[in-house]
C-alpha cells in the first residue's frame, strides 16, 4: 500500500489533490472546534455576539496552526508574517462570501442553501489557493528546481 501511495505522490496533480484533501481535513476539524465553542459558550449564558467572536477567533487560530504544521509544513518560517496574512485573508474572504451570498440569495432569489453552499466552495478554494501561494508559499518538492 505504501508503494502505491509513493508512486501516486510522484504525480503532481495527485500531490495537489492530496494537499487540498489535507486542507479539507483541517477545515473539518476547525469547524468542529468552532461549533463546539459556540455550543459550550452559549450554554454558559454568553450572548451570541460574544461567543461567535470567540469561536471564530479560536477557529481561525486552530486552522492557522494546523495548516502551518500539517498541511503546508511551514512551521520553520516567520510566524508573525504568516498569522497576519492568514487573518487578513480570512477576514477578506468572509466579507466577499457575505457579498456573494447577498447577491445570490437576496438579489437573485437563489435558494438559501445553494447560495450558502456556493459561498462555502468559493471560500474553501480561494482560501486554499491564497494560503498555499501567499501565506505559506508552498513549493512542490518535485518541481522546486524549475
Protein backbone atom coordinates (compact mmCIF):
# COMPACT_ATOMS: atom_id res chain seq x y z
CA UNK A 1 0.00 0.00 0.00
CA UNK A 2 2.85 2.37 0.86
CA UNK A 3 4.46 1.69 -2.53
CA UNK A 4 1.20 2.62 -4.28
CA UNK A 5 0.96 5.86 -2.28
CA UNK A 6 4.62 6.70 -3.01
CA UNK A 7 4.01 6.06 -6.71
CA UNK A 8 0.90 8.27 -6.70
CA UNK A 9 2.82 11.04 -4.91
CA UNK A 10 5.14 11.23 -7.93
CA UNK A 11 2.21 12.68 -9.90
CA UNK A 12 1.91 16.47 -9.47
CA UNK A 13 -1.90 16.50 -9.81
CA UNK A 14 -2.22 13.82 -7.15
CA UNK A 15 0.09 15.79 -4.82
CA UNK A 16 -2.06 18.90 -5.29
CA UNK A 17 -5.27 16.96 -4.66
CA UNK A 18 -3.72 15.35 -1.58
CA UNK A 19 -2.73 18.80 -0.29
CA UNK A 20 -6.30 20.01 -0.89
CA UNK A 21 -7.59 16.91 0.93
CA UNK A 22 -5.40 17.70 3.96
CA UNK A 23 -6.64 21.31 3.84
CA UNK A 24 -10.21 19.97 3.88
CA UNK A 25 -9.49 17.74 6.88
CA UNK A 26 -8.15 20.78 8.74
CA UNK A 27 -11.33 22.64 7.74
CA UNK A 28 -13.50 19.89 9.22
CA UNK A 29 -11.51 19.94 12.47
CA UNK A 30 -11.69 23.74 12.54
CA UNK A 31 -15.47 23.65 12.02
CA UNK A 32 -15.84 21.16 14.86
CA UNK A 33 -13.77 23.32 17.22
CA UNK A 34 -15.68 26.49 16.29
CA UNK A 35 -19.08 24.81 16.61
CA UNK A 36 -18.10 23.23 19.92
CA UNK A 37 -17.11 26.62 21.31
CA UNK A 38 -20.38 28.16 20.08
CA UNK A 39 -22.35 25.42 21.82
CA UNK A 40 -20.36 25.48 25.07
CA UNK A 41 -20.27 29.26 25.48
CA UNK A 42 -23.95 29.65 24.55
CA UNK A 43 -24.79 27.05 27.22
CA UNK A 44 -22.75 29.06 29.71
CA UNK A 45 -25.06 32.01 29.00
CA UNK A 46 -22.83 34.21 26.85
CA UNK A 47 -24.54 36.37 24.22
CA UNK A 48 -24.26 35.23 20.60
CA UNK A 49 -22.14 38.24 19.63
CA UNK A 50 -19.58 37.27 22.29
CA UNK A 51 -19.45 33.53 21.68
CA UNK A 52 -19.33 33.86 17.89
CA UNK A 53 -16.33 36.21 18.05
CA UNK A 54 -14.54 33.90 20.48
CA UNK A 55 -15.44 30.84 18.40
CA UNK A 56 -14.28 32.35 15.13
CA UNK A 57 -11.01 33.62 16.59
CA UNK A 58 -10.23 30.21 18.12
CA UNK A 59 -11.34 28.52 14.88
CA UNK A 60 -9.09 30.71 12.74
CA UNK A 61 -6.16 30.11 15.12
CA UNK A 62 -6.81 26.36 15.03
CA UNK A 63 -6.95 26.44 11.24
CA UNK A 64 -3.77 28.52 11.04
CA UNK A 65 -1.66 26.29 13.26
CA UNK A 66 -2.93 23.01 11.77
CA UNK A 67 -2.41 24.23 8.20
CA UNK A 68 1.00 25.63 9.09
CA UNK A 69 2.22 22.39 10.66
CA UNK A 70 0.21 19.65 8.94
CA UNK A 71 -0.99 20.81 5.51
CA UNK A 72 1.79 23.07 4.26
CA UNK A 73 4.59 22.09 6.72
CA UNK A 74 5.84 25.67 7.05
CA UNK A 75 6.41 25.83 10.80
CA UNK A 76 10.03 26.95 10.49
CA UNK A 77 9.22 30.34 8.93
CA UNK A 78 8.17 33.78 10.22
CA UNK A 79 5.02 33.09 12.25
CA UNK A 80 4.12 36.79 12.64
CA UNK A 81 4.03 37.38 8.88
CA UNK A 82 2.09 34.18 8.32
CA UNK A 83 -0.54 34.78 11.00
CA UNK A 84 -1.17 38.39 9.94
CA UNK A 85 -1.63 37.34 6.31
CA UNK A 86 -3.81 34.39 7.36
CA UNK A 87 -6.12 36.63 9.42
CA UNK A 88 -6.31 39.31 6.71
CA UNK A 89 -7.13 36.73 4.04
CA UNK A 90 -9.71 35.04 6.29
CA UNK A 91 -11.41 38.37 7.05
CA UNK A 92 -11.42 39.47 3.40
CA UNK A 93 -12.80 36.12 2.23
CA UNK A 94 -15.52 36.23 4.86
CA UNK A 95 -16.55 39.69 3.61
CA UNK A 96 -16.54 38.55 -0.02
CA UNK A 97 -18.59 35.46 0.85
CA UNK A 98 -21.14 37.65 2.62
CA UNK A 99 -21.41 39.76 -0.55
CA UNK A 100 -21.72 36.68 -2.79
CA UNK A 101 -24.45 35.27 -0.56
CA UNK A 102 -26.31 38.58 -0.51
CA UNK A 103 -26.19 38.83 -4.30
CA UNK A 104 -27.24 35.22 -4.88
CA UNK A 105 -29.87 34.89 -2.15
CA UNK A 106 -31.34 38.36 -1.65
CA UNK A 107 -30.97 39.88 -5.11
CA UNK A 108 -31.19 36.84 -7.40
CA UNK A 109 -33.57 34.85 -5.14
CA UNK A 110 -31.44 31.71 -5.23
CA UNK A 111 -32.34 29.13 -2.60
CA UNK A 112 -30.56 29.96 0.65
CA UNK A 113 -28.81 26.59 0.96
CA UNK A 114 -27.46 26.91 -2.58
CA UNK A 115 -26.20 30.48 -2.08
CA UNK A 116 -24.52 29.50 1.18
CA UNK A 117 -23.03 26.40 -0.47
CA UNK A 118 -21.60 28.43 -3.35
CA UNK A 119 -20.11 30.83 -0.81
CA UNK A 120 -18.54 27.93 1.08
CA UNK A 121 -16.99 26.49 -2.08
CA UNK A 122 -15.62 29.93 -3.04
CA UNK A 123 -14.18 30.44 0.46
CA UNK A 124 -12.57 27.00 0.56
CA UNK A 125 -11.00 27.01 -2.91
CA UNK A 126 -9.87 30.65 -2.78
CA UNK A 127 -8.61 30.24 0.79
CA UNK A 128 -6.63 27.16 -0.20
CA UNK A 129 -5.02 28.92 -3.17
CA UNK A 130 -4.17 32.09 -1.21
CA UNK A 131 -2.84 30.19 1.79
CA UNK A 132 -0.85 27.87 -0.44
CA UNK A 133 0.68 30.61 -2.59
CA UNK A 134 0.82 33.65 -0.29
CA UNK A 135 0.71 32.78 3.42
CA UNK A 136 2.71 29.56 3.41
CA UNK A 137 4.33 29.87 -0.05
CA UNK A 138 4.12 26.13 -0.63
CA UNK A 139 6.51 24.83 -3.24
CA UNK A 140 6.01 21.42 -4.78
CA UNK A 141 9.14 19.46 -3.82
CA UNK A 142 9.19 17.66 -7.17
CA UNK A 143 9.18 20.95 -9.13
CA UNK A 144 11.01 23.32 -6.76
CA UNK A 145 14.06 23.39 -9.01
CA UNK A 146 12.08 24.51 -12.06
